[in-house]
């Protein structure tokens, strides 16, 4: 029965989209609890007839005893690159289908000068950001009143995040072609905001090399259903209830994500290979030195003053980091896939990342919102990302999703974050193309929700008009 759909006045086989079965998203169960439907023709009184269900008023929308209205769509044809033609002539784009272009096609479309790293230009951004950080601290300490402090905390937390992005460029090697310069600047910037430079650099490299992969991704990857069901209630609250997920980064540095083990400070962690241990030790020592410096400052200026000048901005930076890294891989209005096995590739995984617009913050945090091109080509310096992105968009086509324009401050992202945290809970334990599912025990679907039932053989999200 799962391979049939309702046509105008009866049942007809569902057209197969793929020649061979594929696994993936679990479809709504078609079980024996759904009542059998009988069909009859009813005269509309105008010479035409329509197909109705026995015992159901034709003037009312009919609903099966499932959590959604029953709607059926048919697919006539699939076109290369993910586009399909529906019966009505309307195009549907499937983001899970392999693209018709290659990574090299995108690379060739980007002007060659976008790949050039200018260490002097990169250092100018470091000087700018450090000067702003010191200036903000001096102004806040001078006025020292509760009108200034909240403004300072937001501004300084944002600047700490900007320092992190520059250190992140050092880790990618997009800061300069000189590994020693990248290492020195990266350690100074990251240690100043309590980030273990090499430990994080290596795990972030793992994230880029496995983006979009359910098991192998490192940053905000989805939990398989079995892992999700095994979480205790406290862990579920901390992971999915704001503001706790926005404070996850320090915990992640020490213990990684649920289902994974290791620490960014431990050279023997599974995160690292043998020849990386010395780098990890160097970063851990640098981090410890910064922590000791902060303890010493607390004796000089007092713990309360240190909390106001450094502690609260640090929490602001952590919230920025968790917000940005989460929303670059979650929360789009379209249902986006995650991959396993042979379905995953570097290109397909990278095409599921998202750009975000942060308004005035775009320039302050070095255009990190231009994230798709950064994920595909992390060696491009941040000051060339916008131009590279514009050059690549014609090649990416519908695989590129224009970010929603932001007001001067990106308050619109809060609603997106809330919605995603509520809906995107886990993915199926099986299948090579899977999608986020909602925990119905916590979030019961509304009766007005629309569900499209297609054959479970097809590993695709429901089609929608």
Protein backbone atom coordinates (compact mmCIF):
# COMPACT_ATOMS: atom_id res chain seq x y z
CA UNK A 1 0.00 0.00 0.00
CA UNK A 2 2.93 2.34 0.68
CA UNK A 3 3.76 2.34 -3.02
CA UNK A 4 0.29 3.73 -4.00
CA UNK A 5 -1.14 7.23 -3.92
CA UNK A 6 -4.60 8.71 -4.17
CA UNK A 7 -5.30 10.00 -7.65
CA UNK A 8 -8.41 11.87 -8.75
CA UNK A 9 -10.82 9.07 -8.12
CA UNK A 10 -9.05 6.05 -6.83
CA UNK A 11 -5.67 4.47 -6.28
CA UNK A 12 -2.75 4.40 -8.65
CA UNK A 13 0.87 3.27 -8.25
CA UNK A 14 3.35 5.87 -7.01
CA UNK A 15 5.91 6.62 -9.78
CA UNK A 16 9.41 5.49 -8.82
CA UNK A 17 11.93 8.30 -8.64
CA UNK A 18 15.05 6.15 -8.46
CA UNK A 19 15.74 2.90 -10.30
CA UNK A 20 17.09 1.25 -7.16
CA UNK A 21 15.92 1.43 -3.55
CA UNK A 22 17.59 3.94 -1.27
CA UNK A 23 17.46 4.17 2.48
CA UNK A 24 16.97 7.22 4.61
CA UNK A 25 14.25 9.22 6.24
CA UNK A 26 11.61 7.22 8.02
CA UNK A 27 8.21 7.82 6.52
CA UNK A 28 4.99 8.08 8.53
CA UNK A 29 3.84 4.53 9.26
CA UNK A 30 0.99 3.22 7.17
CA UNK A 31 -0.32 0.66 9.64
CA UNK A 32 -3.48 -1.19 10.20
CA UNK A 33 -4.79 1.43 12.60
CA UNK A 34 -5.69 3.67 9.66
CA UNK A 35 -9.25 2.90 8.60
CA UNK A 36 -9.94 1.65 5.11
CA UNK A 37 -11.51 4.25 2.85
CA UNK A 38 -14.33 3.66 0.43
CA UNK A 39 -14.79 5.82 -2.63
CA UNK A 40 -17.89 6.88 -4.54
CA UNK A 41 -18.71 9.49 -7.14
CA UNK A 42 -20.95 12.37 -6.17
CA UNK A 43 -22.68 14.65 -8.64
CA UNK A 44 -21.79 18.28 -7.99
CA UNK A 45 -25.05 19.37 -9.62
CA UNK A 46 -23.29 21.09 -12.52
CA UNK A 47 -22.81 18.06 -14.68
CA UNK A 48 -19.42 17.19 -13.18
CA UNK A 49 -18.61 14.63 -10.61
CA UNK A 50 -15.97 14.37 -7.96
CA UNK A 51 -14.44 11.66 -5.89
CA UNK A 52 -15.45 11.62 -2.21
CA UNK A 53 -14.90 9.36 0.75
CA UNK A 54 -17.74 7.36 2.17
CA UNK A 55 -19.27 8.90 5.26
CA UNK A 56 -17.37 12.20 5.03
CA UNK A 57 -19.00 15.52 4.26
CA UNK A 58 -17.65 16.88 0.97
CA UNK A 59 -17.69 20.41 2.35
CA UNK A 60 -15.18 19.62 5.07
CA UNK A 61 -11.47 18.93 4.95
CA UNK A 62 -11.06 15.28 5.89
CA UNK A 63 -8.31 14.18 8.24
CA UNK A 64 -7.01 10.71 8.94
CA UNK A 65 -6.29 9.84 12.54
CA UNK A 66 -2.70 10.94 12.20
CA UNK A 67 -1.22 14.28 13.12
CA UNK A 68 -1.61 15.92 9.74
CA UNK A 69 -3.82 16.67 6.78
CA UNK A 70 -3.40 14.18 3.95
CA UNK A 71 -1.99 15.73 0.78
CA UNK A 72 -0.59 13.93 -2.21
CA UNK A 73 1.92 15.11 -4.77
CA UNK A 74 3.21 13.35 -7.82
CA UNK A 75 6.55 13.63 -9.56
CA UNK A 76 6.70 13.18 -13.32
CA UNK A 77 10.37 13.61 -13.98
CA UNK A 78 13.72 14.25 -12.34
CA UNK A 79 16.23 16.59 -13.94
CA UNK A 80 19.98 16.68 -13.44
CA UNK A 81 21.10 18.84 -10.54
CA UNK A 82 18.11 18.18 -8.31
CA UNK A 83 15.26 19.92 -10.16
CA UNK A 84 12.02 18.09 -10.78
CA UNK A 85 8.89 18.92 -12.73
CA UNK A 86 5.64 18.39 -10.86
CA UNK A 87 2.38 17.56 -12.65
CA UNK A 88 1.31 21.18 -12.63
CA UNK A 89 4.54 22.29 -14.28
CA UNK A 90 5.96 23.64 -11.02
CA UNK A 91 9.64 23.03 -10.35
CA UNK A 92 10.83 21.36 -7.18
CA UNK A 93 14.46 21.40 -6.07
CA UNK A 94 15.86 18.47 -4.11
CA UNK A 95 18.91 19.60 -2.08
CA UNK A 96 19.91 15.98 -1.38
CA UNK A 97 20.50 15.12 -5.02
CA UNK A 98 24.11 15.14 -6.25
CA UNK A 99 24.93 18.45 -7.96
CA UNK A 100 25.72 18.57 -11.67
CA UNK A 101 28.86 20.65 -11.01
CA UNK A 102 32.15 19.73 -9.37
CA UNK A 103 34.20 21.40 -6.65
CA UNK A 104 36.70 22.41 -9.32
CA UNK A 105 33.95 24.25 -11.22
CA UNK A 106 33.31 26.44 -8.18
CA UNK A 107 37.01 26.98 -7.64
CA UNK A 108 37.58 28.01 -11.26
CA UNK A 109 34.79 30.58 -11.03
CA UNK A 110 36.49 32.40 -8.14
CA UNK A 111 39.02 35.08 -9.22
CA UNK A 112 42.60 34.06 -8.56
CA UNK A 113 43.36 37.13 -6.46
CA UNK A 114 40.75 35.98 -3.91
CA UNK A 115 43.18 33.25 -2.86
CA UNK A 116 46.05 35.65 -2.18
CA UNK A 117 46.90 36.03 1.53
CA UNK A 118 48.28 39.39 2.56
CA UNK A 119 49.92 39.07 6.02
CA UNK A 120 50.09 42.87 6.41
CA UNK A 121 46.39 43.21 5.74
CA UNK A 122 45.65 40.33 8.08
CA UNK A 123 47.77 41.91 10.82
CA UNK A 124 45.98 45.22 10.34
CA UNK A 125 42.76 43.54 11.41
CA UNK A 126 44.50 42.14 14.48
CA UNK A 127 45.78 45.61 15.42
CA UNK A 128 42.32 47.09 14.85
CA UNK A 129 40.53 44.52 16.99
CA UNK A 130 43.06 44.55 19.84
CA UNK A 131 42.92 48.36 19.93
CA UNK A 132 39.12 48.27 20.15
CA UNK A 133 39.21 45.64 22.92
CA UNK A 134 41.65 47.68 25.01
CA UNK A 135 39.75 50.90 24.33
CA UNK A 136 36.43 49.43 25.39
CA UNK A 137 37.94 48.08 28.61
CA UNK A 138 39.51 51.46 29.42
CA UNK A 139 36.24 53.34 28.83
CA UNK A 140 34.20 50.90 30.93
CA UNK A 141 36.69 50.98 33.80
CA UNK A 142 36.82 54.79 33.70
CA UNK A 143 33.06 55.37 33.88
CA UNK A 144 32.34 52.27 36.01
CA UNK A 145 28.56 52.68 36.19
CA UNK A 146 25.59 50.46 35.44
CA UNK A 147 24.56 52.44 32.39
CA UNK A 148 27.85 51.67 30.67
CA UNK A 149 28.44 48.08 31.80
CA UNK A 150 25.64 46.35 29.79
CA UNK A 151 26.70 48.20 26.64
CA UNK A 152 30.30 47.24 27.32
CA UNK A 153 29.46 43.58 27.85
CA UNK A 154 27.68 43.28 24.51
CA UNK A 155 30.36 45.22 22.62
CA UNK A 156 33.31 43.48 24.26
CA UNK A 157 31.76 40.02 23.94
CA UNK A 158 31.36 40.72 20.23
CA UNK A 159 34.98 41.85 19.99
CA UNK A 160 36.19 38.70 21.77
CA UNK A 161 34.29 36.78 19.09
CA UNK A 162 36.05 38.88 16.42
CA UNK A 163 39.42 37.94 17.94
CA UNK A 164 38.37 34.30 17.80
CA UNK A 165 37.57 34.55 14.07
CA UNK A 166 41.03 35.96 13.35
CA UNK A 167 42.62 33.14 15.37
CA UNK A 168 40.37 30.74 13.46
CA UNK A 169 41.88 32.09 10.20
CA UNK A 170 45.34 31.38 11.61
CA UNK A 171 44.27 27.80 12.26
CA UNK A 172 43.06 27.40 8.67
CA UNK A 173 46.20 28.94 7.23
CA UNK A 174 44.18 31.70 5.56
CA UNK A 175 45.87 34.36 7.72
CA UNK A 176 49.20 34.06 5.90
CA UNK A 177 51.44 31.58 4.10
CA UNK A 178 53.85 31.58 7.04
CA UNK A 179 53.02 28.73 9.46
CA UNK A 180 55.12 30.29 12.24
CA UNK A 181 53.29 33.61 11.97
CA UNK A 182 49.97 31.77 11.95
CA UNK A 183 50.99 29.81 15.04
CA UNK A 184 52.21 32.80 17.06
CA UNK A 185 49.27 35.05 16.24
CA UNK A 186 46.80 32.20 16.65
CA UNK A 187 48.11 31.35 20.12
CA UNK A 188 48.10 34.97 21.27
CA UNK A 189 44.56 35.58 20.07
CA UNK A 190 43.02 32.29 21.14
CA UNK A 191 44.80 31.99 24.48
CA UNK A 192 43.62 35.51 25.38
CA UNK A 193 40.03 34.26 25.22
CA UNK A 194 40.74 30.84 26.78
CA UNK A 195 40.74 28.77 23.61
CA UNK A 196 43.39 26.01 23.22
CA UNK A 197 44.73 27.02 19.81
CA UNK A 198 46.02 23.75 18.37
CA UNK A 199 43.53 21.54 20.19
CA UNK A 200 40.63 23.48 18.72
CA UNK A 201 42.34 23.90 15.32
CA UNK A 202 42.60 20.14 14.89
CA UNK A 203 39.03 19.38 15.89
CA UNK A 204 37.80 22.21 13.68
CA UNK A 205 39.77 20.73 10.79
CA UNK A 206 37.90 17.47 11.44
CA UNK A 207 34.63 19.42 11.24
CA UNK A 208 35.53 20.90 7.86
CA UNK A 209 36.71 17.59 6.44
CA UNK A 210 33.49 15.85 7.48
CA UNK A 211 30.85 18.58 7.30
CA UNK A 212 27.36 17.20 6.82
CA UNK A 213 28.30 13.67 7.94
CA UNK A 214 26.12 12.29 10.74
CA UNK A 215 28.80 10.38 12.64
CA UNK A 216 32.07 11.99 11.55
CA UNK A 217 31.20 15.69 11.79
CA UNK A 218 32.57 17.36 14.89
CA UNK A 219 30.56 20.53 15.45
CA UNK A 220 26.83 20.42 16.31
CA UNK A 221 26.38 17.17 14.41
CA UNK A 222 22.96 15.48 14.74
CA UNK A 223 22.39 12.76 17.29
CA UNK A 224 21.21 9.35 16.02
CA UNK A 225 17.87 8.42 17.54
CA UNK A 226 19.35 5.69 19.76
CA UNK A 227 21.85 8.15 21.25
CA UNK A 228 19.14 10.79 21.70
CA UNK A 229 16.79 8.35 23.45
CA UNK A 230 19.61 7.34 25.77
CA UNK A 231 20.22 10.89 27.04
CA UNK A 232 19.06 11.66 30.56
CA UNK A 233 16.58 14.48 31.00
CA UNK A 234 19.19 16.89 32.34
CA UNK A 235 21.38 16.46 29.25
CA UNK A 236 18.37 16.98 26.96
CA UNK A 237 17.47 20.19 28.76
CA UNK A 238 21.04 21.47 28.60
CA UNK A 239 21.35 20.65 24.89
CA UNK A 240 17.95 21.83 23.61
CA UNK A 241 16.65 24.48 26.02
CA UNK A 242 17.91 28.05 25.69
CA UNK A 243 20.07 29.64 26.96
CA UNK A 244 22.00 26.50 27.90
CA UNK A 245 23.06 25.47 24.35
CA UNK A 246 24.63 28.91 23.92
CA UNK A 247 26.94 28.19 26.84
CA UNK A 248 28.10 24.80 25.55
CA UNK A 249 31.50 25.69 24.12
CA UNK A 250 33.62 25.46 27.31
CA UNK A 251 31.97 22.11 28.10
CA UNK A 252 32.64 20.93 24.56
CA UNK A 253 36.34 21.81 24.91
CA UNK A 254 36.61 19.57 27.96
CA UNK A 255 34.30 16.70 26.99
CA UNK A 256 33.11 17.04 23.36
CA UNK A 257 29.54 16.26 22.27
CA UNK A 258 27.18 13.49 23.49
CA UNK A 259 28.25 10.16 22.05
CA UNK A 260 31.89 11.24 21.64
CA UNK A 261 34.81 11.15 24.05
CA UNK A 262 37.97 13.17 24.41
CA UNK A 263 39.26 16.56 25.48
CA UNK A 264 40.88 19.39 23.53
CA UNK A 265 43.43 19.71 26.36
CA UNK A 266 44.50 16.05 26.47
CA UNK A 267 47.26 15.14 23.97
CA UNK A 268 46.22 11.47 24.27
CA UNK A 269 42.63 12.20 23.24
CA UNK A 270 41.08 10.39 20.27
CA UNK A 271 40.86 13.80 18.62
CA UNK A 272 44.58 13.77 17.86
CA UNK A 273 47.15 11.56 16.18
CA UNK A 274 50.59 10.86 17.58
CA UNK A 275 52.50 13.60 15.75
CA UNK A 276 50.03 16.25 17.00
CA UNK A 277 50.62 15.66 20.70
CA UNK A 278 53.37 18.27 20.99
CA UNK A 279 51.13 20.93 19.45
CA UNK A 280 48.33 20.06 21.86
CA UNK A 281 50.68 20.31 24.85
CA UNK A 282 51.84 23.75 23.64
CA UNK A 283 48.26 24.99 23.42
CA UNK A 284 47.31 23.56 26.80
CA UNK A 285 50.31 25.28 28.43
CA UNK A 286 49.36 28.59 26.75
CA UNK A 287 45.78 28.22 27.94
CA UNK A 288 46.97 27.49 31.48
CA UNK A 289 49.23 30.54 31.45
CA UNK A 290 46.28 32.76 30.49
CA UNK A 291 44.12 31.23 33.21
CA UNK A 292 46.91 31.89 35.75
CA UNK A 293 47.19 35.49 34.53
CA UNK A 294 43.48 36.02 35.10
CA UNK A 295 43.75 34.61 38.63
CA UNK A 296 46.62 37.01 39.30
CA UNK A 297 44.60 39.95 37.96
CA UNK A 298 41.76 39.08 40.30
CA UNK A 299 44.10 39.76 43.25
CA UNK A 300 45.16 43.09 41.75
CA UNK A 301 41.85 44.60 40.59
CA UNK A 302 39.47 42.38 42.58
CA UNK A 303 37.35 39.42 41.41
CA UNK A 304 34.22 41.54 40.86
CA UNK A 305 36.03 44.01 38.60
CA UNK A 306 37.65 41.13 36.70
CA UNK A 307 34.24 39.53 36.29
CA UNK A 308 32.83 42.75 34.85
CA UNK A 309 35.81 43.46 32.59
CA UNK A 310 36.55 39.93 31.38
CA UNK A 311 34.16 37.29 32.75
CA UNK A 312 30.88 38.60 31.36
CA UNK A 313 32.36 39.48 27.93
CA UNK A 314 33.81 35.96 27.80
CA UNK A 315 30.31 34.52 28.27
CA UNK A 316 29.11 36.86 25.51
CA UNK A 317 31.83 35.52 23.22
CA UNK A 318 30.83 31.93 24.02
CA UNK A 319 27.21 32.72 23.14
CA UNK A 320 28.27 34.28 19.84
CA UNK A 321 30.37 31.23 18.99
CA UNK A 322 27.64 28.71 19.75
CA UNK A 323 24.97 30.79 17.99
CA UNK A 324 26.99 31.23 14.80
CA UNK A 325 28.34 27.69 14.55
CA UNK A 326 24.88 26.21 15.14
CA UNK A 327 22.95 28.41 12.71
CA UNK A 328 25.44 27.85 9.90
CA UNK A 329 24.33 24.20 9.85
CA UNK A 330 20.76 24.29 11.19
CA UNK A 331 17.49 26.14 11.07
CA UNK A 332 16.83 26.77 7.38
CA UNK A 333 13.21 26.93 6.25
CA UNK A 334 13.94 24.12 3.78
CA UNK A 335 14.57 20.60 5.05
CA UNK A 336 18.26 19.92 4.54
CA UNK A 337 19.89 16.48 4.47
CA UNK A 338 22.65 14.87 6.49
CA UNK A 339 24.66 12.05 4.99
CA UNK A 340 26.30 8.73 5.76
CA UNK A 341 28.24 6.14 3.81
CA UNK A 342 28.54 6.40 0.04
CA UNK A 343 26.04 9.25 -0.18
CA UNK A 344 28.40 11.63 1.64
CA UNK A 345 31.02 13.63 -0.21
CA UNK A 346 32.98 16.74 0.69
CA UNK A 347 31.03 18.79 -1.84
CA UNK A 348 27.56 17.52 -0.92
CA UNK A 349 28.27 17.99 2.78
CA UNK A 350 29.55 21.53 2.22
CA UNK A 351 26.46 22.45 0.22
CA UNK A 352 24.27 21.89 3.28
CA UNK A 353 25.98 24.74 5.16
CA UNK A 354 24.21 28.10 5.38
CA UNK A 355 25.12 31.74 5.02
CA UNK A 356 23.72 34.18 7.59
CA UNK A 357 23.40 37.96 7.58
CA UNK A 358 24.36 39.68 10.85
CA UNK A 359 23.72 43.30 9.89
CA UNK A 360 26.28 45.66 11.42
CA UNK A 361 28.12 42.69 12.91
CA UNK A 362 29.17 41.34 9.48
CA UNK A 363 32.25 43.53 9.21
CA UNK A 364 33.05 43.37 12.92
CA UNK A 365 33.34 39.57 12.92
CA UNK A 366 35.08 39.48 9.56
CA UNK A 367 32.23 38.25 7.33
CA UNK A 368 32.18 34.80 8.86
CA UNK A 369 28.49 34.72 7.89
CA UNK A 370 29.67 34.07 4.32
CA UNK A 371 29.99 30.50 5.39
CA UNK A 372 29.35 28.24 2.39
CA UNK A 373 32.42 29.40 0.48
CA UNK A 374 34.47 29.37 3.68
CA UNK A 375 33.49 25.76 4.30
CA UNK A 376 34.31 24.64 0.79
CA UNK A 377 37.53 26.67 0.55
CA UNK A 378 38.81 27.54 4.06
CA UNK A 379 42.10 28.85 2.68
CA UNK A 380 40.43 31.97 1.26
CA UNK A 381 41.19 35.00 3.52
CA UNK A 382 38.14 36.47 5.23
CA UNK A 383 38.52 39.81 3.44
CA UNK A 384 38.01 38.07 0.08
CA UNK A 385 35.03 35.91 1.04
CA UNK A 386 32.35 38.30 -0.21
CA UNK A 387 33.87 38.61 -3.68
CA UNK A 388 34.50 34.87 -3.88
CA UNK A 389 30.92 34.20 -2.85
CA UNK A 390 29.46 36.44 -5.55
CA UNK A 391 31.63 34.74 -8.18
CA UNK A 392 30.59 31.26 -7.06
CA UNK A 393 26.82 31.83 -6.78
CA UNK A 394 26.06 31.32 -10.51
CA UNK A 395 27.73 27.90 -10.32
CA UNK A 396 26.03 26.92 -7.06
CA UNK A 397 22.60 27.83 -8.39
CA UNK A 398 19.79 26.61 -6.13
CA UNK A 399 22.28 24.89 -3.84
CA UNK A 400 23.09 28.36 -2.55
CA UNK A 401 20.46 29.75 -0.19
CA UNK A 402 20.38 33.51 0.11
CA UNK A 403 20.42 34.52 3.78
CA UNK A 404 17.55 36.53 5.15
CA UNK A 405 18.51 40.20 5.32
CA UNK A 406 19.17 41.42 8.82
CA UNK A 407 18.28 44.62 10.60
CA UNK A 408 21.29 46.52 12.01
CA UNK A 409 21.37 43.92 14.80
CA UNK A 410 20.47 40.29 13.94
CA UNK A 411 17.60 39.76 16.35
CA UNK A 412 15.77 37.69 13.70
CA UNK A 413 18.21 34.85 14.35
CA UNK A 414 16.81 34.32 17.85
CA UNK A 415 13.48 33.11 16.45
CA UNK A 416 15.25 30.82 13.98
CA UNK A 417 17.35 29.37 16.79
CA UNK A 418 14.33 28.77 19.02
CA UNK A 419 12.42 27.03 16.24
CA UNK A 420 15.34 24.79 15.29
CA UNK A 421 16.09 23.81 18.88
CA UNK A 422 12.45 22.81 19.28
CA UNK A 423 12.16 20.78 16.08
CA UNK A 424 15.61 19.44 15.16
CA UNK A 425 16.21 16.71 17.73
CA UNK A 426 17.65 13.56 16.13
CA UNK A 427 18.06 11.63 12.88
CA UNK A 428 17.34 8.01 12.03
CA UNK A 429 19.83 5.40 13.16
CA UNK A 430 19.87 3.98 9.63
CA UNK A 431 19.94 5.39 6.12
CA UNK A 432 22.57 7.20 4.09
CA UNK A 433 20.42 10.32 3.56
CA UNK A 434 18.60 11.38 6.70
CA UNK A 435 16.78 14.41 8.02
CA UNK A 436 16.17 15.90 11.44
CA UNK A 437 13.11 14.62 13.24
CA UNK A 438 11.11 16.08 16.09
CA UNK A 439 10.57 14.36 19.43
CA UNK A 440 6.78 14.07 19.30
CA UNK A 441 6.65 13.30 23.01
CA UNK A 442 7.93 16.81 23.68
CA UNK A 443 6.53 18.65 20.66
CA UNK A 444 3.20 17.33 19.47
CA UNK A 445 2.53 18.29 15.82
CA UNK A 446 -0.37 20.64 15.23
CA UNK A 447 -3.43 19.16 13.55
CA UNK A 448 -3.13 21.67 10.73
CA UNK A 449 0.33 20.47 9.73
CA UNK A 450 0.62 19.16 6.19
CA UNK A 451 2.10 15.71 5.63
CA UNK A 452 2.98 14.34 2.23
CA UNK A 453 3.06 10.56 2.10
CA UNK A 454 5.45 9.03 -0.41
CA UNK A 455 6.93 5.60 -0.80
CA UNK A 456 9.33 4.63 2.00
CA UNK A 457 11.68 3.31 -0.68
CA UNK A 458 12.60 6.88 -1.59
CA UNK A 459 15.09 8.56 0.72
CA UNK A 460 13.83 12.09 0.18
CA UNK A 461 12.02 14.70 2.28
CA UNK A 462 8.32 15.27 1.61
CA UNK A 463 7.70 17.34 -1.50
CA UNK A 464 5.94 20.64 -0.99
CA UNK A 465 4.45 23.21 -3.29
